[in-house]
Amino acid sequence: MILKILKWSVIVLVSLIIILIVTVALRQNLKFDAPLVDVKASTDSTIIAKGEYIFYGPGHCMECHCSYEDYKKVELGERVAPKGGFTYPLPIGAIRIPNITSDNETGIGNISDAIIARALRYGVAPDGHAMIDFMAFHNTSDDDLTAIISFLRTLPPVTNKVPKFEPNLLGMVIKAFMLKPTGPTGEVPKSVTPSVTAEYGKYLANSVANCRGCHTNRDLQTGAFIGEDYSGGFHMDVIGKPGNFCVSRNLTPDPETGHIYNWSQEKFIERFRQGKLIPDSPMPWGPFLKFSDDDLRAIYLYLKTLKPVKNNPGPVLVSK
């Protein structure tokens, strides 16, 4: 009797495993719908200049969309072509960043403005699959999206075919059941007027520079936020140094654990002008060198309005 029960238990277990494997395999190419965004590239030089500032500066697009050989230049704040190829080893597999030059075959030359805008705002790739939530442009204004895309259209084509994301077994399971597009929260503004205010600083920090994306603890498998906003503690692997990771700082105005609690506005700006001081830091110090003083003042004012959260993230760099 016991042997018979064990036999059927094994059969049921094996059957369930086979069903799971087949289901995961069948769900690897899920497609998602999202509205197209009514954005069209402009040839206006002022709009293009705004897009260039966002792209190479606060939006720090080059921090990811560069090649390995160009990464050191990006860290120094130099301009390079966004031909992609940089790879992030995550628990779910190797994430390879695409070429976004105007090349028709390996870049975005043949992708419409509206589809590019949809990818930035709704996290739906041109082929319909859900994108991993690396970018913070879901609530970026229509005008700023227009500026970014307008600038992208001015970049010369660079042929560089980047392999697609290759999930490991864990990644395949997450892709099958958990990975979904991330869209905007609330109504997206058509335009946002720059000003030295906490309100504009909030917009920059959350919808352009993605400060929240790193300074809030996240699940590395799904990208979901699991910590209190801006309280730090997010572990980011050091590229090329397995086992080493950096830990984001607490930016809330907590008097005991807030990293910049005692900083003046001048010191905050000065720190950004110094660039990268910790060699393995994932903070995009190179692109952030291009921040205007007024934009940094706005972000500083916003950070001072945050709810204080008592959280000591520990050492900034953990070495194996």
C-alpha atoms as a PDB file:
ATOM      1  CA  MET A   1       0.000   0.000   0.000  1.00  0.00           C
ATOM      2  CA  ILE A   2       2.792   2.424   0.951  1.00  0.00           C
ATOM      3  CA  LEU A   3       4.679   1.622  -2.260  1.00  0.00           C
ATOM      4  CA  LYS A   4       1.536   2.281  -4.276  1.00  0.00           C
ATOM      5  CA  ILE A   5       1.048   5.667  -2.568  1.00  0.00           C
ATOM      6  CA  LEU A   6       4.698   6.588  -3.210  1.00  0.00           C
ATOM      7  CA  LYS A   7       4.382   5.516  -6.830  1.00  0.00           C
ATOM      8  CA  TRP A   8       1.349   7.718  -7.425  1.00  0.00           C
ATOM      9  CA  SER A   9       2.931  10.592  -5.480  1.00  0.00           C
ATOM     10  CA  VAL A  10       5.945  10.450  -7.790  1.00  0.00           C
ATOM     11  CA  ILE A  11       3.712  10.310 -10.854  1.00  0.00           C
ATOM     12  CA  VAL A  12       1.707  13.323  -9.680  1.00  0.00           C
ATOM     13  CA  LEU A  13       4.878  15.271  -8.797  1.00  0.00           C
ATOM     14  CA  VAL A  14       6.524  14.532 -12.150  1.00  0.00           C
ATOM     15  CA  SER A  15       3.308  15.446 -13.958  1.00  0.00           C
ATOM     16  CA  LEU A  16       3.138  18.781 -12.125  1.00  0.00           C
ATOM     17  CA  ILE A  17       6.771  19.536 -12.953  1.00  0.00           C
ATOM     18  CA  ILE A  18       6.172  18.746 -16.625  1.00  0.00           C
ATOM     19  CA  ILE A  19       3.073  20.981 -16.650  1.00  0.00           C
ATOM     20  CA  LEU A  20       5.056  23.807 -15.026  1.00  0.00           C
ATOM     21  CA  ILE A  21       7.919  23.468 -17.528  1.00  0.00           C
ATOM     22  CA  VAL A  22       5.553  23.490 -20.482  1.00  0.00           C
ATOM     23  CA  THR A  23       3.587  26.449 -19.095  1.00  0.00           C
ATOM     24  CA  VAL A  24       6.755  28.472 -18.490  1.00  0.00           C
ATOM     25  CA  ALA A  25       7.976  27.705 -22.011  1.00  0.00           C
ATOM     26  CA  LEU A  26       4.659  28.722 -23.564  1.00  0.00           C
ATOM     27  CA  ARG A  27       4.624  32.044 -21.671  1.00  0.00           C
ATOM     28  CA  GLN A  28       8.070  33.252 -22.748  1.00  0.00           C
ATOM     29  CA  ASN A  29       6.708  35.384 -25.582  1.00  0.00           C
ATOM     30  CA  LEU A  30       3.800  37.137 -23.897  1.00  0.00           C
ATOM     31  CA  LYS A  31       2.655  40.334 -25.608  1.00  0.00           C
ATOM     32  CA  PHE A  32       1.117  43.325 -23.851  1.00  0.00           C
ATOM     33  CA  ASP A  33      -1.039  46.183 -25.078  1.00  0.00           C
ATOM     34  CA  ALA A  34      -0.436  49.813 -24.190  1.00  0.00           C
ATOM     35  CA  PRO A  35      -1.613  53.014 -25.827  1.00  0.00           C
ATOM     36  CA  LEU A  36       0.679  54.735 -28.290  1.00  0.00           C
ATOM     37  CA  VAL A  37       1.909  58.101 -27.058  1.00  0.00           C
ATOM     38  CA  ASP A  38       1.152  61.091 -29.277  1.00  0.00           C
ATOM     39  CA  VAL A  39       4.759  62.273 -29.491  1.00  0.00           C
ATOM     40  CA  LYS A  40       6.493  63.369 -32.680  1.00  0.00           C
ATOM     41  CA  ALA A  41      10.125  64.349 -33.067  1.00  0.00           C
ATOM     42  CA  SER A  42      10.767  68.026 -33.670  1.00  0.00           C
ATOM     43  CA  THR A  43      13.489  69.777 -35.653  1.00  0.00           C
ATOM     44  CA  ASP A  44      13.338  72.845 -33.393  1.00  0.00           C
ATOM     45  CA  SER A  45      16.878  73.507 -32.116  1.00  0.00           C
ATOM     46  CA  THR A  46      15.652  74.558 -28.648  1.00  0.00           C
ATOM     47  CA  ILE A  47      13.703  71.312 -28.193  1.00  0.00           C
ATOM     48  CA  ILE A  48      16.640  69.248 -29.460  1.00  0.00           C
ATOM     49  CA  ALA A  49      18.987  71.038 -27.033  1.00  0.00           C
ATOM     50  CA  LYS A  50      16.639  70.242 -24.138  1.00  0.00           C
ATOM     51  CA  GLY A  51      16.635  66.585 -25.181  1.00  0.00           C
ATOM     52  CA  GLU A  52      20.416  66.563 -25.398  1.00  0.00           C
ATOM     53  CA  TYR A  53      20.660  67.968 -21.862  1.00  0.00           C
ATOM     54  CA  ILE A  54      18.297  65.332 -20.475  1.00  0.00           C
ATOM     55  CA  PHE A  55      19.910  62.511 -22.455  1.00  0.00           C
ATOM     56  CA  TYR A  56      23.534  63.168 -21.532  1.00  0.00           C
ATOM     57  CA  GLY A  57      22.777  64.750 -18.161  1.00  0.00           C
ATOM     58  CA  PRO A  58      19.906  64.179 -15.683  1.00  0.00           C
ATOM     59  CA  GLY A  59      18.394  61.255 -17.618  1.00  0.00           C
ATOM     60  CA  HIS A  60      21.852  59.572 -17.631  1.00  0.00           C
ATOM     61  CA  CYS A  61      20.835  57.443 -20.618  1.00  0.00           C
ATOM     62  CA  MET A  62      24.478  56.848 -21.538  1.00  0.00           C
ATOM     63  CA  GLU A  63      25.148  55.141 -18.205  1.00  0.00           C
ATOM     64  CA  CYS A  64      23.439  52.072 -19.667  1.00  0.00           C
ATOM     65  CA  HIS A  65      23.296  52.547 -23.434  1.00  0.00           C
ATOM     66  CA  CYS A  66      27.050  52.557 -23.944  1.00  0.00           C
ATOM     67  CA  SER A  67      29.494  49.807 -24.832  1.00  0.00           C
ATOM     68  CA  TYR A  68      32.034  48.296 -22.443  1.00  0.00           C
ATOM     69  CA  GLU A  69      34.891  50.090 -24.163  1.00  0.00           C
ATOM     70  CA  ASP A  70      33.149  53.462 -23.785  1.00  0.00           C
ATOM     71  CA  TYR A  71      32.051  53.113 -20.159  1.00  0.00           C
ATOM     72  CA  LYS A  72      35.117  54.803 -18.668  1.00  0.00           C
ATOM     73  CA  LYS A  73      34.504  57.790 -20.936  1.00  0.00           C
ATOM     74  CA  VAL A  74      30.907  58.007 -19.730  1.00  0.00           C
ATOM     75  CA  GLU A  75      32.122  57.975 -16.121  1.00  0.00           C
ATOM     76  CA  LEU A  76      34.208  61.046 -16.934  1.00  0.00           C
ATOM     77  CA  GLY A  77      31.231  62.835 -18.431  1.00  0.00           C
ATOM     78  CA  GLU A  78      32.336  62.443 -22.054  1.00  0.00           C
ATOM     79  CA  ARG A  79      29.897  62.094 -24.950  1.00  0.00           C
ATOM     80  CA  VAL A  80      29.863  58.754 -26.768  1.00  0.00           C
ATOM     81  CA  ALA A  81      27.455  57.045 -29.151  1.00  0.00           C
ATOM     82  CA  PRO A  82      24.589  55.124 -27.481  1.00  0.00           C
ATOM     83  CA  LYS A  83      25.334  51.948 -29.421  1.00  0.00           C
ATOM     84  CA  GLY A  84      24.526  49.662 -26.491  1.00  0.00           C
ATOM     85  CA  GLY A  85      26.082  46.375 -25.521  1.00  0.00           C
ATOM     86  CA  PHE A  86      26.613  46.945 -21.809  1.00  0.00           C
ATOM     87  CA  THR A  87      25.506  43.915 -19.787  1.00  0.00           C
ATOM     88  CA  TYR A  88      24.098  43.750 -16.262  1.00  0.00           C
ATOM     89  CA  PRO A  89      24.352  40.323 -14.583  1.00  0.00           C
ATOM     90  CA  LEU A  90      21.194  39.960 -12.500  1.00  0.00           C
ATOM     91  CA  PRO A  91      19.791  36.942 -10.607  1.00  0.00           C
ATOM     92  CA  ILE A  92      17.371  36.416 -13.510  1.00  0.00           C
ATOM     93  CA  GLY A  93      20.036  36.447 -16.235  1.00  0.00           C
ATOM     94  CA  ALA A  94      22.191  38.814 -18.258  1.00  0.00           C
ATOM     95  CA  ILE A  95      20.406  42.050 -19.205  1.00  0.00           C
ATOM     96  CA  ARG A  96      21.925  43.482 -22.393  1.00  0.00           C
ATOM     97  CA  ILE A  97      21.267  47.129 -23.158  1.00  0.00           C
ATOM     98  CA  PRO A  98      20.174  47.858 -26.753  1.00  0.00           C
ATOM     99  CA  ASN A  99      21.598  50.120 -29.424  1.00  0.00           C
ATOM    100  CA  ILE A 100      19.515  53.328 -29.629  1.00  0.00           C
ATOM    101  CA  THR A 101      21.360  55.099 -32.430  1.00  0.00           C
ATOM    102  CA  SER A 102      19.454  55.755 -35.662  1.00  0.00           C
ATOM    103  CA  ASP A 103      20.802  52.636 -37.381  1.00  0.00           C
ATOM    104  CA  ASN A 104      17.933  50.974 -39.271  1.00  0.00           C
ATOM    105  CA  GLU A 105      19.033  47.380 -38.697  1.00  0.00           C
ATOM    106  CA  THR A 106      20.498  47.305 -35.178  1.00  0.00           C
ATOM    107  CA  GLY A 107      19.194  50.550 -33.667  1.00  0.00           C
ATOM    108  CA  ILE A 108      15.931  52.482 -33.564  1.00  0.00           C
ATOM    109  CA  GLY A 109      15.998  53.978 -37.071  1.00  0.00           C
ATOM    110  CA  ASN A 110      12.960  51.995 -38.187  1.00  0.00           C
ATOM    111  CA  ILE A 111      10.982  52.399 -34.951  1.00  0.00           C
ATOM    112  CA  SER A 112       8.374  55.159 -34.879  1.00  0.00           C
ATOM    113  CA  ASP A 113       8.403  58.048 -32.403  1.00  0.00           C
ATOM    114  CA  ALA A 114       5.129  56.865 -30.847  1.00  0.00           C
ATOM    115  CA  ILE A 115       6.444  53.336 -30.219  1.00  0.00           C
ATOM    116  CA  ILE A 116       9.652  54.660 -28.646  1.00  0.00           C
ATOM    117  CA  ALA A 117       7.559  56.935 -26.427  1.00  0.00           C
ATOM    118  CA  ARG A 118       5.327  53.977 -25.510  1.00  0.00           C
ATOM    119  CA  ALA A 119       8.378  51.991 -24.429  1.00  0.00           C
ATOM    120  CA  LEU A 120       9.571  54.839 -22.202  1.00  0.00           C
ATOM    121  CA  ARG A 121       6.172  55.561 -20.664  1.00  0.00           C
ATOM    122  CA  TYR A 122       4.560  52.109 -20.441  1.00  0.00           C
ATOM    123  CA  GLY A 123       7.469  49.676 -20.444  1.00  0.00           C
ATOM    124  CA  VAL A 124       6.248  47.854 -23.559  1.00  0.00           C
ATOM    125  CA  ALA A 125       8.981  47.043 -26.076  1.00  0.00           C
ATOM    126  CA  PRO A 126       8.475  47.554 -29.828  1.00  0.00           C
ATOM    127  CA  ASP A 127       7.706  43.834 -30.231  1.00  0.00           C
ATOM    128  CA  GLY A 128       5.111  43.962 -27.421  1.00  0.00           C
ATOM    129  CA  HIS A 129       6.966  42.209 -24.602  1.00  0.00           C
ATOM    130  CA  ALA A 130       7.274  43.685 -21.098  1.00  0.00           C
ATOM    131  CA  MET A 131      10.500  45.548 -20.422  1.00  0.00           C
ATOM    132  CA  ILE A 132      12.397  45.196 -17.159  1.00  0.00           C
ATOM    133  CA  ASP A 133      11.790  48.401 -15.218  1.00  0.00           C
ATOM    134  CA  PHE A 134      15.213  50.063 -15.494  1.00  0.00           C
ATOM    135  CA  MET A 135      14.088  53.501 -16.723  1.00  0.00           C
ATOM    136  CA  ALA A 136      12.116  56.125 -14.842  1.00  0.00           C
ATOM    137  CA  PHE A 137      10.344  57.880 -17.696  1.00  0.00           C
ATOM    138  CA  HIS A 138       6.805  56.641 -16.967  1.00  0.00           C
ATOM    139  CA  ASN A 139       5.651  60.064 -15.749  1.00  0.00           C
ATOM    140  CA  THR A 140       7.995  62.176 -17.837  1.00  0.00           C
ATOM    141  CA  SER A 141       6.077  64.993 -19.509  1.00  0.00           C
ATOM    142  CA  ASP A 142       5.040  64.826 -23.149  1.00  0.00           C
ATOM    143  CA  ASP A 143       7.285  67.790 -23.924  1.00  0.00           C
ATOM    144  CA  ASP A 144      10.342  66.177 -22.340  1.00  0.00           C
ATOM    145  CA  LEU A 145       9.700  62.874 -24.127  1.00  0.00           C
ATOM    146  CA  THR A 146       9.424  64.869 -27.344  1.00  0.00           C
ATOM    147  CA  ALA A 147      12.749  66.542 -26.572  1.00  0.00           C
ATOM    148  CA  ILE A 148      14.511  63.229 -25.859  1.00  0.00           C
ATOM    149  CA  ILE A 149      13.229  61.557 -29.025  1.00  0.00           C
ATOM    150  CA  SER A 150      13.945  64.679 -31.099  1.00  0.00           C
ATOM    151  CA  PHE A 151      17.561  64.554 -29.955  1.00  0.00           C
ATOM    152  CA  LEU A 152      17.820  60.820 -30.591  1.00  0.00           C
ATOM    153  CA  ARG A 153      16.767  61.399 -34.196  1.00  0.00           C
ATOM    154  CA  THR A 154      19.790  63.672 -34.695  1.00  0.00           C
ATOM    155  CA  LEU A 155      22.319  61.006 -33.708  1.00  0.00           C
ATOM    156  CA  PRO A 156      24.236  59.312 -36.534  1.00  0.00           C
ATOM    157  CA  PRO A 157      23.670  55.575 -37.042  1.00  0.00           C
ATOM    158  CA  VAL A 158      26.118  53.099 -35.537  1.00  0.00           C
ATOM    159  CA  THR A 159      25.849  49.454 -36.512  1.00  0.00           C
ATOM    160  CA  ASN A 160      26.084  47.309 -33.396  1.00  0.00           C
ATOM    161  CA  LYS A 161      23.885  44.229 -33.018  1.00  0.00           C
ATOM    162  CA  VAL A 162      23.231  43.551 -29.341  1.00  0.00           C
ATOM    163  CA  PRO A 163      22.043  40.046 -28.324  1.00  0.00           C
ATOM    164  CA  LYS A 164      18.643  39.910 -26.666  1.00  0.00           C
ATOM    165  CA  PHE A 165      17.993  39.153 -23.008  1.00  0.00           C
ATOM    166  CA  GLU A 166      18.721  35.528 -22.175  1.00  0.00           C
ATOM    167  CA  PRO A 167      16.921  34.638 -18.933  1.00  0.00           C
ATOM    168  CA  ASN A 168      18.156  31.781 -16.788  1.00  0.00           C
ATOM    169  CA  LEU A 169      15.704  29.288 -15.276  1.00  0.00           C
ATOM    170  CA  LEU A 170      14.661  31.713 -12.528  1.00  0.00           C
ATOM    171  CA  GLY A 171      14.365  34.470 -15.101  1.00  0.00           C
ATOM    172  CA  MET A 172      12.149  32.328 -17.314  1.00  0.00           C
ATOM    173  CA  VAL A 173       9.777  31.663 -14.410  1.00  0.00           C
ATOM    174  CA  ILE A 174       9.635  35.368 -13.487  1.00  0.00           C
ATOM    175  CA  LYS A 175       9.175  36.335 -17.128  1.00  0.00           C
ATOM    176  CA  ALA A 176       6.326  33.837 -17.441  1.00  0.00           C
ATOM    177  CA  PHE A 177       4.366  34.809 -14.331  1.00  0.00           C
ATOM    178  CA  MET A 178       5.601  38.071 -12.807  1.00  0.00           C
ATOM    179  CA  LEU A 179       7.113  40.409 -15.393  1.00  0.00           C
ATOM    180  CA  LYS A 180       4.546  42.966 -16.506  1.00  0.00           C
ATOM    181  CA  PRO A 181       4.823  46.463 -17.976  1.00  0.00           C
ATOM    182  CA  THR A 182       5.151  49.365 -15.560  1.00  0.00           C
ATOM    183  CA  GLY A 183       3.165  52.422 -16.557  1.00  0.00           C
ATOM    184  CA  PRO A 184       2.627  55.929 -15.205  1.00  0.00           C
ATOM    185  CA  THR A 185       1.100  56.707 -11.844  1.00  0.00           C
ATOM    186  CA  GLY A 186      -1.655  59.269 -12.148  1.00  0.00           C
ATOM    187  CA  GLU A 187      -2.028  61.791 -14.944  1.00  0.00           C
ATOM    188  CA  VAL A 188       1.120  62.527 -16.948  1.00  0.00           C
ATOM    189  CA  PRO A 189       1.742  66.254 -17.461  1.00  0.00           C
ATOM    190  CA  LYS A 190       1.974  67.666 -20.960  1.00  0.00           C
ATOM    191  CA  SER A 191       4.747  69.984 -19.835  1.00  0.00           C
ATOM    192  CA  VAL A 192       6.582  70.887 -16.635  1.00  0.00           C
ATOM    193  CA  THR A 193       8.080  74.344 -16.210  1.00  0.00           C
ATOM    194  CA  PRO A 194      11.622  74.284 -14.751  1.00  0.00           C
ATOM    195  CA  SER A 195      11.943  76.201 -11.480  1.00  0.00           C
ATOM    196  CA  VAL A 196      14.012  76.163  -8.307  1.00  0.00           C
ATOM    197  CA  THR A 197      11.247  74.555  -6.263  1.00  0.00           C
ATOM    198  CA  ALA A 198      10.690  71.326  -4.378  1.00  0.00           C
ATOM    199  CA  GLU A 199       7.861  70.531  -6.780  1.00  0.00           C
ATOM    200  CA  TYR A 200      10.152  70.620  -9.806  1.00  0.00           C
ATOM    201  CA  GLY A 201      12.817  68.767  -7.823  1.00  0.00           C
ATOM    202  CA  LYS A 202      10.296  65.988  -7.209  1.00  0.00           C
ATOM    203  CA  TYR A 203       9.643  65.748 -10.935  1.00  0.00           C
ATOM    204  CA  LEU A 204      13.365  65.581 -11.738  1.00  0.00           C
ATOM    205  CA  ALA A 205      14.161  63.068  -8.990  1.00  0.00           C
ATOM    206  CA  ASN A 206      11.283  60.713  -9.759  1.00  0.00           C
ATOM    207  CA  SER A 207      10.560  61.115 -13.470  1.00  0.00           C
ATOM    208  CA  VAL A 208      13.888  62.043 -15.060  1.00  0.00           C
ATOM    209  CA  ALA A 209      16.965  61.280 -12.955  1.00  0.00           C
ATOM    210  CA  ASN A 210      15.533  58.135 -11.291  1.00  0.00           C
ATOM    211  CA  CYS A 211      16.964  58.959  -7.857  1.00  0.00           C
ATOM    212  CA  ARG A 212      14.196  56.892  -6.268  1.00  0.00           C
ATOM    213  CA  GLY A 213      15.121  53.900  -8.441  1.00  0.00           C
ATOM    214  CA  CYS A 214      18.437  53.353  -6.654  1.00  0.00           C
ATOM    215  CA  HIS A 215      17.921  55.080  -3.312  1.00  0.00           C
ATOM    216  CA  THR A 216      14.951  52.850  -2.459  1.00  0.00           C
ATOM    217  CA  ASN A 217      15.415  49.165  -1.716  1.00  0.00           C
ATOM    218  CA  ARG A 218      14.199  46.880  -4.516  1.00  0.00           C
ATOM    219  CA  ASP A 219      13.740  43.207  -5.294  1.00  0.00           C
ATOM    220  CA  LEU A 220      16.512  42.309  -7.742  1.00  0.00           C
ATOM    221  CA  GLN A 221      14.392  39.555  -9.254  1.00  0.00           C
ATOM    222  CA  THR A 222      11.342  41.645 -10.154  1.00  0.00           C
ATOM    223  CA  GLY A 223      12.474  45.254  -9.778  1.00  0.00           C
ATOM    224  CA  ALA A 224       9.612  45.906  -7.332  1.00  0.00           C
ATOM    225  CA  PHE A 225      10.155  48.520  -4.617  1.00  0.00           C
ATOM    226  CA  ILE A 226      10.311  46.867  -1.202  1.00  0.00           C
ATOM    227  CA  GLY A 227      11.712  49.664   0.974  1.00  0.00           C
ATOM    228  CA  GLU A 228      10.522  53.090   2.006  1.00  0.00           C
ATOM    229  CA  ASP A 229      11.164  55.792  -0.565  1.00  0.00           C
ATOM    230  CA  TYR A 230      14.692  57.213  -0.555  1.00  0.00           C
ATOM    231  CA  SER A 231      15.694  55.365   2.617  1.00  0.00           C
ATOM    232  CA  GLY A 232      18.519  53.491   0.852  1.00  0.00           C
ATOM    233  CA  GLY A 233      19.611  49.907   1.314  1.00  0.00           C
ATOM    234  CA  PHE A 234      19.452  48.779  -2.320  1.00  0.00           C
ATOM    235  CA  HIS A 235      22.286  46.341  -3.123  1.00  0.00           C
ATOM    236  CA  MET A 236      23.832  46.863  -6.570  1.00  0.00           C
ATOM    237  CA  ASP A 237      26.405  44.378  -7.837  1.00  0.00           C
ATOM    238  CA  VAL A 238      29.768  45.735  -8.931  1.00  0.00           C
ATOM    239  CA  ILE A 239      30.209  44.898 -12.615  1.00  0.00           C
ATOM    240  CA  GLY A 240      33.135  42.537 -13.151  1.00  0.00           C
ATOM    241  CA  LYS A 241      33.617  41.817  -9.444  1.00  0.00           C
ATOM    242  CA  PRO A 242      31.357  38.920  -8.433  1.00  0.00           C
ATOM    243  CA  GLY A 243      30.342  39.059  -4.790  1.00  0.00           C
ATOM    244  CA  ASN A 244      31.054  42.782  -4.448  1.00  0.00           C
ATOM    245  CA  PHE A 245      28.188  45.249  -4.206  1.00  0.00           C
ATOM    246  CA  CYS A 246      27.404  48.854  -3.376  1.00  0.00           C
ATOM    247  CA  VAL A 247      24.608  49.890  -1.036  1.00  0.00           C
ATOM    248  CA  SER A 248      22.581  53.023  -1.742  1.00  0.00           C
ATOM    249  CA  ARG A 249      22.458  55.797   0.863  1.00  0.00           C
ATOM    250  CA  ASN A 250      19.495  57.021   2.885  1.00  0.00           C
ATOM    251  CA  LEU A 251      18.565  60.433   1.432  1.00  0.00           C
ATOM    252  CA  THR A 252      15.655  61.164   3.771  1.00  0.00           C
ATOM    253  CA  PRO A 253      16.140  63.994   6.316  1.00  0.00           C
ATOM    254  CA  ASP A 254      16.479  61.625   9.251  1.00  0.00           C
ATOM    255  CA  PRO A 255      18.852  63.316  11.736  1.00  0.00           C
ATOM    256  CA  GLU A 256      20.624  60.066  12.662  1.00  0.00           C
ATOM    257  CA  THR A 257      20.826  58.021   9.454  1.00  0.00           C
ATOM    258  CA  GLY A 258      20.109  60.514   6.657  1.00  0.00           C
ATOM    259  CA  HIS A 259      23.260  60.729   4.530  1.00  0.00           C
ATOM    260  CA  ILE A 260      22.798  64.370   3.549  1.00  0.00           C
ATOM    261  CA  TYR A 261      20.912  65.559   6.638  1.00  0.00           C
ATOM    262  CA  ASN A 262      23.606  68.085   7.589  1.00  0.00           C
ATOM    263  CA  TRP A 263      24.501  69.091   4.042  1.00  0.00           C
ATOM    264  CA  SER A 264      23.940  72.653   2.894  1.00  0.00           C
ATOM    265  CA  GLN A 265      22.622  73.363  -0.570  1.00  0.00           C
ATOM    266  CA  GLU A 266      26.128  74.463  -1.583  1.00  0.00           C
ATOM    267  CA  LYS A 267      27.693  71.224  -0.340  1.00  0.00           C
ATOM    268  CA  PHE A 268      25.069  69.202  -2.223  1.00  0.00           C
ATOM    269  CA  ILE A 269      25.944  70.966  -5.489  1.00  0.00           C
ATOM    270  CA  GLU A 270      29.679  70.735  -4.792  1.00  0.00           C
ATOM    271  CA  ARG A 271      29.439  66.957  -4.370  1.00  0.00           C
ATOM    272  CA  PHE A 272      27.955  66.598  -7.838  1.00  0.00           C
ATOM    273  CA  ARG A 273      30.747  68.715  -9.287  1.00  0.00           C
ATOM    274  CA  GLN A 274      33.370  66.346  -7.831  1.00  0.00           C
ATOM    275  CA  GLY A 275      32.223  63.375  -9.925  1.00  0.00           C
ATOM    276  CA  LYS A 276      32.953  59.755  -9.011  1.00  0.00           C
ATOM    277  CA  LEU A 277      35.017  59.390  -5.822  1.00  0.00           C
ATOM    278  CA  ILE A 278      34.338  55.707  -5.108  1.00  0.00           C
ATOM    279  CA  PRO A 279      35.585  53.782  -8.186  1.00  0.00           C
ATOM    280  CA  ASP A 280      32.971  51.008  -7.946  1.00  0.00           C
ATOM    281  CA  SER A 281      29.996  53.290  -7.263  1.00  0.00           C
ATOM    282  CA  PRO A 282      27.057  52.678  -9.654  1.00  0.00           C
ATOM    283  CA  MET A 283      25.911  56.286  -9.241  1.00  0.00           C
ATOM    284  CA  PRO A 284      26.022  57.932 -12.704  1.00  0.00           C
ATOM    285  CA  TRP A 285      28.402  60.652 -11.594  1.00  0.00           C
ATOM    286  CA  GLY A 286      29.700  61.252 -15.126  1.00  0.00           C
ATOM    287  CA  PRO A 287      26.331  62.243 -16.634  1.00  0.00           C
ATOM    288  CA  PHE A 288      25.342  64.042 -13.419  1.00  0.00           C
ATOM    289  CA  LEU A 289      28.303  66.401 -13.896  1.00  0.00           C
ATOM    290  CA  LYS A 290      26.079  68.062 -16.499  1.00  0.00           C
ATOM    291  CA  PHE A 291      23.276  68.899 -14.063  1.00  0.00           C
ATOM    292  CA  SER A 292      22.584  72.625 -13.936  1.00  0.00           C
ATOM    293  CA  ASP A 293      22.952  74.316 -10.547  1.00  0.00           C
ATOM    294  CA  ASP A 294      19.272  75.258 -10.548  1.00  0.00           C
ATOM    295  CA  ASP A 295      18.149  71.670 -11.170  1.00  0.00           C
ATOM    296  CA  LEU A 296      20.356  70.449  -8.331  1.00  0.00           C
ATOM    297  CA  ARG A 297      18.910  73.119  -6.047  1.00  0.00           C
ATOM    298  CA  ALA A 298      15.408  71.938  -6.908  1.00  0.00           C
ATOM    299  CA  ILE A 299      16.268  68.301  -6.105  1.00  0.00           C
ATOM    300  CA  TYR A 300      17.894  69.357  -2.824  1.00  0.00           C
ATOM    301  CA  LEU A 301      14.733  71.238  -1.826  1.00  0.00           C
ATOM    302  CA  TYR A 302      12.612  68.197  -2.671  1.00  0.00           C
ATOM    303  CA  LEU A 303      14.775  65.776  -0.668  1.00  0.00           C
ATOM    304  CA  LYS A 304      14.350  68.029   2.376  1.00  0.00           C
ATOM    305  CA  THR A 305      10.566  67.565   2.155  1.00  0.00           C
ATOM    306  CA  LEU A 306      10.719  63.771   2.364  1.00  0.00           C
ATOM    307  CA  LYS A 307       9.454  61.871   5.374  1.00  0.00           C
ATOM    308  CA  PRO A 308      12.419  61.077   7.659  1.00  0.00           C
ATOM    309  CA  VAL A 309      13.087  57.330   7.717  1.00  0.00           C
ATOM    310  CA  LYS A 310      15.456  55.858  10.270  1.00  0.00           C
ATOM    311  CA  ASN A 311      17.462  53.343   8.257  1.00  0.00           C
ATOM    312  CA  ASN A 312      21.199  52.753   8.374  1.00  0.00           C
ATOM    313  CA  PRO A 313      22.078  50.905   5.126  1.00  0.00           C
ATOM    314  CA  GLY A 314      25.528  49.913   6.414  1.00  0.00           C
ATOM    315  CA  PRO A 315      28.787  50.293   4.456  1.00  0.00           C
ATOM    316  CA  VAL A 316      28.565  51.878   1.024  1.00  0.00           C
ATOM    317  CA  LEU A 317      30.798  49.183  -0.514  1.00  0.00           C
ATOM    318  CA  VAL A 318      30.959  45.506   0.433  1.00  0.00           C
ATOM    319  CA  SER A 319      33.949  43.608  -0.972  1.00  0.00           C
ATOM    320  CA  LYS A 320      34.220  39.839  -1.126  1.00  0.00           C
END
